[in-house]
C-alpha cells in the first residue's frame, strides 16, 4: 500500500469548488479511494481547512465536510520534533515545511499538490493530481 499526503490546496479546491482545479482534485480523490492507496492529511491541514472553509460556508457546513473527509483519509500527527525540523528546514513556506516533515516522519514519500515547486528539495516527491492519476 502506498501512503500519499494530500496538500491543503487539493482539499480546498474541492470544498470551495475552485474553477479549473476542483475537477482534477476531485478525480484524484476518487482514484485514490478506488485504488490501493492510503491518503493522509496533516493535523494542521485539518485546522487550515476549517479556518478557510468556515469563512465562506459557515461552521456547520465546514464541520460536516471535514467529518465526511475523515471517512476516507488518515490524519498524520504533528508534534514538537516535526515543528522543530520544519523551522530548521530551508523551505521558505513554513506550512509546506510542516507538511514535508510530517510526511517524512510518517514514511510518506509522495505529496499531491498543485504547487509542486514548493516541495522541491524536501525529500518528498511532489505530484499534481492529474499526474498522480496518470503515473500511479
N, C-alpha and C. Protein backbone atom coordinates (compact mmCIF):
# COMPACT_ATOMS: atom_id res chain seq x y z
N UNK A 1 0.85 -1.19 0.00
CA UNK A 1 0.00 0.00 0.00
C UNK A 1 0.89 1.24 0.00
N UNK A 2 0.56 2.19 -0.84
CA UNK A 2 1.32 3.43 -0.95
C UNK A 2 0.63 4.52 -0.13
N UNK A 3 1.41 5.17 0.73
CA UNK A 3 0.91 6.29 1.51
C UNK A 3 1.10 7.58 0.72
N UNK A 4 0.07 8.41 0.69
CA UNK A 4 0.09 9.65 -0.07
C UNK A 4 -0.40 10.79 0.82
N UNK A 5 0.38 11.86 0.89
CA UNK A 5 -0.06 13.05 1.62
C UNK A 5 -0.78 13.98 0.65
N UNK A 6 -1.88 14.51 1.07
CA UNK A 6 -2.67 15.42 0.24
C UNK A 6 -2.47 16.83 0.77
N UNK A 7 -2.02 17.71 -0.11
CA UNK A 7 -1.80 19.10 0.26
C UNK A 7 -3.14 19.80 0.51
N UNK A 8 -3.10 20.79 1.35
CA UNK A 8 -4.29 21.56 1.72
C UNK A 8 -5.02 22.09 0.49
N UNK A 9 -4.28 22.58 -0.50
CA UNK A 9 -4.93 23.19 -1.66
C UNK A 9 -5.81 22.22 -2.43
N UNK A 10 -5.49 20.95 -2.41
CA UNK A 10 -6.29 19.95 -3.13
C UNK A 10 -7.67 19.82 -2.49
N UNK A 11 -7.69 19.76 -1.18
CA UNK A 11 -8.97 19.64 -0.46
C UNK A 11 -9.78 20.93 -0.59
N UNK A 12 -9.11 22.07 -0.49
CA UNK A 12 -9.83 23.34 -0.63
C UNK A 12 -10.35 23.54 -2.04
N UNK A 13 -9.66 23.02 -3.05
CA UNK A 13 -10.17 23.08 -4.42
C UNK A 13 -11.55 22.45 -4.50
N UNK A 14 -11.70 21.32 -3.85
CA UNK A 14 -12.97 20.59 -3.87
C UNK A 14 -14.00 21.31 -3.01
N UNK A 15 -13.62 21.64 -1.79
CA UNK A 15 -14.56 22.25 -0.85
C UNK A 15 -15.10 23.58 -1.34
N UNK A 16 -14.25 24.34 -2.00
CA UNK A 16 -14.65 25.67 -2.48
C UNK A 16 -15.02 25.67 -3.96
N UNK A 17 -15.00 24.49 -4.57
CA UNK A 17 -15.32 24.32 -5.99
C UNK A 17 -14.58 25.34 -6.85
N UNK A 18 -13.27 25.38 -6.65
CA UNK A 18 -12.43 26.32 -7.39
C UNK A 18 -12.37 25.93 -8.86
N UNK A 19 -12.77 26.88 -9.68
CA UNK A 19 -12.78 26.67 -11.13
C UNK A 19 -11.37 26.33 -11.60
N UNK A 20 -11.27 25.46 -12.54
CA UNK A 20 -10.03 24.99 -13.15
C UNK A 20 -9.24 24.02 -12.29
N UNK A 21 -9.64 23.83 -11.04
CA UNK A 21 -8.89 22.94 -10.16
C UNK A 21 -9.74 21.84 -9.54
N UNK A 22 -11.00 22.12 -9.22
CA UNK A 22 -11.81 21.16 -8.47
C UNK A 22 -12.03 19.86 -9.25
N UNK A 23 -12.11 19.92 -10.56
CA UNK A 23 -12.32 18.70 -11.34
C UNK A 23 -11.16 17.73 -11.16
N UNK A 24 -9.93 18.22 -11.33
CA UNK A 24 -8.76 17.35 -11.22
C UNK A 24 -8.57 16.85 -9.79
N UNK A 25 -8.80 17.73 -8.83
CA UNK A 25 -8.65 17.33 -7.43
C UNK A 25 -9.70 16.29 -7.06
N UNK A 26 -10.92 16.47 -7.54
CA UNK A 26 -11.98 15.50 -7.28
C UNK A 26 -11.70 14.16 -7.93
N UNK A 27 -11.21 14.18 -9.17
CA UNK A 27 -10.86 12.93 -9.86
C UNK A 27 -9.74 12.20 -9.11
N UNK A 28 -8.77 12.96 -8.62
CA UNK A 28 -7.68 12.37 -7.85
C UNK A 28 -8.23 11.66 -6.60
N UNK A 29 -9.10 12.33 -5.84
CA UNK A 29 -9.62 11.72 -4.62
C UNK A 29 -10.43 10.46 -4.92
N UNK A 30 -11.21 10.48 -5.98
CA UNK A 30 -11.96 9.29 -6.37
C UNK A 30 -11.01 8.16 -6.73
N UNK A 31 -9.97 8.48 -7.48
CA UNK A 31 -8.97 7.50 -7.91
C UNK A 31 -8.29 6.86 -6.71
N UNK A 32 -7.83 7.68 -5.79
CA UNK A 32 -7.14 7.18 -4.60
C UNK A 32 -8.06 6.29 -3.78
N UNK A 33 -9.32 6.68 -3.70
CA UNK A 33 -10.29 5.92 -2.92
C UNK A 33 -10.58 4.55 -3.54
N UNK A 34 -10.45 4.44 -4.86
CA UNK A 34 -10.72 3.18 -5.56
C UNK A 34 -9.51 2.27 -5.63
N UNK A 35 -8.33 2.82 -5.49
CA UNK A 35 -7.09 2.04 -5.63
C UNK A 35 -6.52 1.71 -4.26
N UNK A 36 -5.38 1.07 -4.28
CA UNK A 36 -4.74 0.61 -3.05
C UNK A 36 -3.78 1.67 -2.51
N UNK A 37 -4.30 2.85 -2.22
CA UNK A 37 -3.52 3.94 -1.66
C UNK A 37 -4.08 4.31 -0.30
N UNK A 38 -3.22 4.82 0.54
CA UNK A 38 -3.64 5.27 1.86
C UNK A 38 -3.44 6.78 1.92
N UNK A 39 -4.52 7.56 1.78
CA UNK A 39 -4.39 9.02 1.77
C UNK A 39 -4.29 9.60 3.18
N UNK A 40 -3.41 10.58 3.32
CA UNK A 40 -3.21 11.27 4.59
C UNK A 40 -3.36 12.77 4.42
N UNK A 41 -3.79 13.40 5.50
CA UNK A 41 -3.71 14.85 5.67
C UNK A 41 -2.93 15.07 6.94
N UNK A 42 -2.25 16.20 7.04
CA UNK A 42 -1.63 16.52 8.32
C UNK A 42 -2.70 17.09 9.25
N UNK A 43 -2.45 16.99 10.53
CA UNK A 43 -3.38 17.57 11.51
C UNK A 43 -3.52 19.08 11.28
N UNK A 44 -2.44 19.72 10.87
CA UNK A 44 -2.51 21.16 10.61
C UNK A 44 -3.34 21.47 9.37
N UNK A 45 -3.38 20.56 8.42
CA UNK A 45 -4.22 20.76 7.24
C UNK A 45 -5.69 20.81 7.65
N UNK A 46 -6.07 19.97 8.58
CA UNK A 46 -7.47 19.96 9.04
C UNK A 46 -7.85 21.33 9.61
N UNK A 47 -6.97 21.89 10.44
CA UNK A 47 -7.29 23.20 11.02
C UNK A 47 -7.28 24.29 9.95
N UNK A 48 -6.38 24.19 8.98
CA UNK A 48 -6.36 25.17 7.88
C UNK A 48 -7.65 25.10 7.06
N UNK A 49 -8.09 23.88 6.77
CA UNK A 49 -9.34 23.70 6.02
C UNK A 49 -10.50 24.33 6.79
N UNK A 50 -10.57 24.05 8.08
CA UNK A 50 -11.64 24.62 8.89
C UNK A 50 -11.62 26.15 8.82
N UNK A 51 -10.46 26.72 9.03
CA UNK A 51 -10.32 28.18 9.06
C UNK A 51 -10.77 28.81 7.74
N UNK A 52 -10.31 28.28 6.62
CA UNK A 52 -10.62 28.86 5.31
C UNK A 52 -12.07 28.60 4.93
N UNK A 53 -12.53 27.37 5.09
CA UNK A 53 -13.87 27.00 4.64
C UNK A 53 -14.97 27.65 5.48
N UNK A 54 -14.74 27.79 6.76
CA UNK A 54 -15.76 28.39 7.64
C UNK A 54 -16.09 29.82 7.21
N UNK A 55 -15.12 30.54 6.70
CA UNK A 55 -15.35 31.93 6.28
C UNK A 55 -16.42 32.04 5.21
N UNK A 56 -16.45 31.09 4.29
CA UNK A 56 -17.41 31.19 3.19
C UNK A 56 -18.61 30.26 3.34
N UNK A 57 -18.45 29.16 4.08
CA UNK A 57 -19.53 28.17 4.14
C UNK A 57 -20.17 28.04 5.51
N UNK A 58 -19.57 28.64 6.54
CA UNK A 58 -20.13 28.56 7.88
C UNK A 58 -19.64 27.35 8.65
N UNK A 59 -19.87 27.40 9.95
CA UNK A 59 -19.37 26.36 10.86
C UNK A 59 -19.95 24.98 10.55
N UNK A 60 -21.27 24.86 10.48
CA UNK A 60 -21.86 23.53 10.34
C UNK A 60 -21.48 22.86 9.03
N UNK A 61 -21.52 23.59 7.94
CA UNK A 61 -21.12 23.02 6.64
C UNK A 61 -19.67 22.54 6.71
N UNK A 62 -18.83 23.34 7.33
CA UNK A 62 -17.41 23.01 7.43
C UNK A 62 -17.19 21.76 8.28
N UNK A 63 -17.86 21.69 9.40
CA UNK A 63 -17.75 20.51 10.27
C UNK A 63 -18.24 19.26 9.54
N UNK A 64 -19.34 19.39 8.82
CA UNK A 64 -19.87 18.26 8.05
C UNK A 64 -18.88 17.83 6.96
N UNK A 65 -18.31 18.80 6.27
CA UNK A 65 -17.34 18.50 5.21
C UNK A 65 -16.14 17.75 5.78
N UNK A 66 -15.58 18.25 6.87
CA UNK A 66 -14.42 17.60 7.47
C UNK A 66 -14.78 16.22 7.99
N UNK A 67 -15.95 16.08 8.59
CA UNK A 67 -16.39 14.77 9.05
C UNK A 67 -16.47 13.76 7.91
N UNK A 68 -17.01 14.18 6.78
CA UNK A 68 -17.09 13.30 5.61
C UNK A 68 -15.69 12.97 5.07
N UNK A 69 -14.84 13.95 5.05
CA UNK A 69 -13.48 13.76 4.57
C UNK A 69 -12.74 12.72 5.42
N UNK A 70 -12.95 12.76 6.70
CA UNK A 70 -12.25 11.85 7.61
C UNK A 70 -12.75 10.41 7.51
N UNK A 71 -13.78 10.18 6.73
CA UNK A 71 -14.25 8.82 6.49
C UNK A 71 -13.27 8.03 5.63
N UNK A 72 -12.45 8.74 4.83
CA UNK A 72 -11.56 8.00 3.93
C UNK A 72 -10.12 8.51 3.90
N UNK A 73 -9.77 9.44 4.77
CA UNK A 73 -8.37 9.86 4.88
C UNK A 73 -7.89 9.67 6.30
N UNK A 74 -6.60 9.43 6.43
CA UNK A 74 -5.96 9.33 7.74
C UNK A 74 -5.40 10.70 8.11
N UNK A 75 -5.20 10.92 9.39
CA UNK A 75 -4.61 12.17 9.84
C UNK A 75 -3.24 11.87 10.43
N UNK A 76 -2.22 12.50 9.86
CA UNK A 76 -0.85 12.35 10.35
C UNK A 76 -0.60 13.43 11.40
N UNK A 77 -0.22 13.00 12.57
CA UNK A 77 0.01 13.93 13.67
C UNK A 77 1.22 14.81 13.46
N UNK A 78 1.16 15.97 14.07
CA UNK A 78 2.25 16.93 14.05
C UNK A 78 2.69 17.13 15.49
N UNK A 79 3.99 16.97 15.74
CA UNK A 79 4.49 17.12 17.11
C UNK A 79 5.65 18.12 17.15
N UNK A 80 6.20 18.28 18.33
CA UNK A 80 7.28 19.25 18.52
C UNK A 80 8.48 18.97 17.61
N UNK A 81 8.86 17.71 17.49
CA UNK A 81 10.01 17.37 16.64
C UNK A 81 9.77 17.77 15.18
N UNK A 82 8.56 17.56 14.70
CA UNK A 82 8.21 17.94 13.33
C UNK A 82 8.28 19.46 13.18
N UNK A 83 7.75 20.17 14.14
CA UNK A 83 7.78 21.64 14.08
C UNK A 83 9.22 22.14 14.11
N UNK A 84 10.04 21.56 14.96
CA UNK A 84 11.45 21.97 15.06
C UNK A 84 12.18 21.68 13.73
N UNK A 85 11.91 20.54 13.13
CA UNK A 85 12.52 20.21 11.84
C UNK A 85 12.07 21.18 10.75
N UNK A 86 10.79 21.54 10.78
CA UNK A 86 10.26 22.48 9.80
C UNK A 86 10.90 23.86 9.97
N UNK A 87 11.08 24.27 11.21
CA UNK A 87 11.73 25.56 11.47
C UNK A 87 13.17 25.56 10.97
N UNK A 88 13.84 24.43 11.09
CA UNK A 88 15.24 24.33 10.67
C UNK A 88 15.41 24.08 9.18
N UNK A 89 14.32 23.75 8.50
CA UNK A 89 14.41 23.46 7.06
C UNK A 89 14.70 24.74 6.28
N UNK A 90 15.07 24.55 5.03
CA UNK A 90 15.35 25.70 4.17
C UNK A 90 14.13 26.13 3.38
N UNK A 91 12.99 25.55 3.69
CA UNK A 91 11.77 25.89 2.97
C UNK A 91 11.34 27.32 3.30
N UNK A 92 11.01 28.10 2.28
CA UNK A 92 10.55 29.47 2.53
C UNK A 92 9.10 29.53 3.04
N UNK A 93 8.38 28.42 2.96
CA UNK A 93 6.98 28.36 3.39
C UNK A 93 6.86 27.41 4.57
N UNK A 94 6.55 27.95 5.73
CA UNK A 94 6.50 27.16 6.95
C UNK A 94 5.43 26.07 6.89
N UNK A 95 4.26 26.40 6.35
CA UNK A 95 3.19 25.39 6.26
C UNK A 95 3.62 24.21 5.38
N UNK A 96 4.28 24.50 4.28
CA UNK A 96 4.78 23.43 3.41
C UNK A 96 5.87 22.63 4.11
N UNK A 97 6.71 23.30 4.88
CA UNK A 97 7.76 22.61 5.63
C UNK A 97 7.14 21.66 6.66
N UNK A 98 6.08 22.09 7.31
CA UNK A 98 5.38 21.22 8.27
C UNK A 98 4.87 19.98 7.55
N UNK A 99 4.27 20.17 6.39
CA UNK A 99 3.73 19.02 5.65
C UNK A 99 4.85 18.07 5.22
N UNK A 100 5.95 18.62 4.71
CA UNK A 100 7.06 17.77 4.26
C UNK A 100 7.66 17.00 5.43
N UNK A 101 7.87 17.66 6.54
CA UNK A 101 8.47 17.00 7.71
C UNK A 101 7.51 15.96 8.30
N UNK A 102 6.23 16.25 8.28
CA UNK A 102 5.23 15.28 8.75
C UNK A 102 5.25 14.05 7.86
N UNK A 103 5.30 14.27 6.55
CA UNK A 103 5.34 13.14 5.61
C UNK A 103 6.55 12.26 5.89
N UNK A 104 7.71 12.88 6.02
CA UNK A 104 8.93 12.10 6.27
C UNK A 104 8.82 11.31 7.58
N UNK A 105 8.30 11.93 8.61
CA UNK A 105 8.17 11.26 9.91
C UNK A 105 7.25 10.05 9.82
N UNK A 106 6.23 10.14 8.98
CA UNK A 106 5.23 9.07 8.87
C UNK A 106 5.50 8.12 7.71
N UNK A 107 6.66 8.22 7.08
CA UNK A 107 7.00 7.30 5.99
C UNK A 107 6.22 7.52 4.72
N UNK A 108 5.79 8.74 4.49
CA UNK A 108 5.03 9.08 3.28
C UNK A 108 6.00 9.69 2.28
N UNK A 109 6.04 9.16 1.08
CA UNK A 109 7.02 9.60 0.09
C UNK A 109 6.47 10.51 -0.99
N UNK A 110 5.14 10.61 -1.10
CA UNK A 110 4.52 11.39 -2.17
C UNK A 110 3.57 12.40 -1.57
N UNK A 111 3.61 13.64 -2.08
CA UNK A 111 2.60 14.63 -1.73
C UNK A 111 1.92 15.07 -3.02
N UNK A 112 0.61 15.07 -2.99
CA UNK A 112 -0.17 15.52 -4.14
C UNK A 112 -0.55 16.97 -3.88
N UNK A 113 -0.12 17.83 -4.81
CA UNK A 113 -0.27 19.27 -4.65
C UNK A 113 -0.35 19.94 -6.01
N UNK A 114 -0.91 21.11 -6.05
CA UNK A 114 -0.85 21.91 -7.29
C UNK A 114 0.47 22.67 -7.36
N UNK A 115 1.11 22.85 -6.22
CA UNK A 115 2.32 23.67 -6.15
C UNK A 115 3.55 22.78 -5.96
N UNK A 116 3.88 22.04 -7.01
CA UNK A 116 4.98 21.09 -6.89
C UNK A 116 6.31 21.77 -6.59
N UNK A 117 6.51 22.98 -7.06
CA UNK A 117 7.78 23.68 -6.82
C UNK A 117 7.99 23.97 -5.34
N UNK A 118 6.91 24.05 -4.57
CA UNK A 118 7.03 24.32 -3.13
C UNK A 118 7.66 23.17 -2.37
N UNK A 119 7.72 21.99 -2.97
CA UNK A 119 8.22 20.81 -2.26
C UNK A 119 9.52 20.25 -2.86
N UNK A 120 10.15 21.03 -3.73
CA UNK A 120 11.45 20.61 -4.27
C UNK A 120 12.47 20.60 -3.13
N UNK A 121 13.36 19.66 -3.18
CA UNK A 121 14.44 19.53 -2.20
C UNK A 121 13.95 19.28 -0.78
N UNK A 122 12.78 18.67 -0.65
CA UNK A 122 12.26 18.34 0.69
C UNK A 122 12.41 16.87 1.03
N UNK A 123 12.76 16.05 0.03
CA UNK A 123 12.82 14.61 0.25
C UNK A 123 11.49 13.93 0.01
N UNK A 124 10.48 14.70 -0.36
CA UNK A 124 9.14 14.18 -0.67
C UNK A 124 8.90 14.44 -2.16
N UNK A 125 8.33 13.46 -2.85
CA UNK A 125 8.05 13.61 -4.28
C UNK A 125 6.74 14.37 -4.46
N UNK A 126 6.79 15.57 -5.05
CA UNK A 126 5.55 16.31 -5.30
C UNK A 126 4.96 15.94 -6.66
N UNK A 127 3.65 15.72 -6.69
CA UNK A 127 2.97 15.33 -7.92
C UNK A 127 1.63 16.06 -7.97
N UNK A 128 1.26 16.55 -9.15
CA UNK A 128 -0.06 17.18 -9.29
C UNK A 128 -1.14 16.09 -9.29
N UNK A 129 -2.38 16.47 -9.02
CA UNK A 129 -3.45 15.46 -9.07
C UNK A 129 -3.55 14.76 -10.43
N UNK A 130 -3.43 15.54 -11.52
CA UNK A 130 -3.51 14.95 -12.86
C UNK A 130 -2.38 13.96 -13.09
N UNK A 131 -1.17 14.33 -12.72
CA UNK A 131 -0.03 13.47 -12.93
C UNK A 131 -0.09 12.22 -12.06
N UNK A 132 -0.62 12.34 -10.86
CA UNK A 132 -0.73 11.17 -9.99
C UNK A 132 -1.63 10.13 -10.64
N UNK A 133 -2.77 10.56 -11.16
CA UNK A 133 -3.71 9.63 -11.79
C UNK A 133 -3.06 8.98 -13.01
N UNK A 134 -2.27 9.73 -13.77
CA UNK A 134 -1.61 9.19 -14.95
C UNK A 134 -0.46 8.23 -14.59
N UNK A 135 0.34 8.59 -13.58
CA UNK A 135 1.56 7.86 -13.27
C UNK A 135 1.37 6.70 -12.30
N UNK A 136 0.40 6.77 -11.46
CA UNK A 136 0.25 5.74 -10.43
C UNK A 136 -1.03 4.97 -10.63
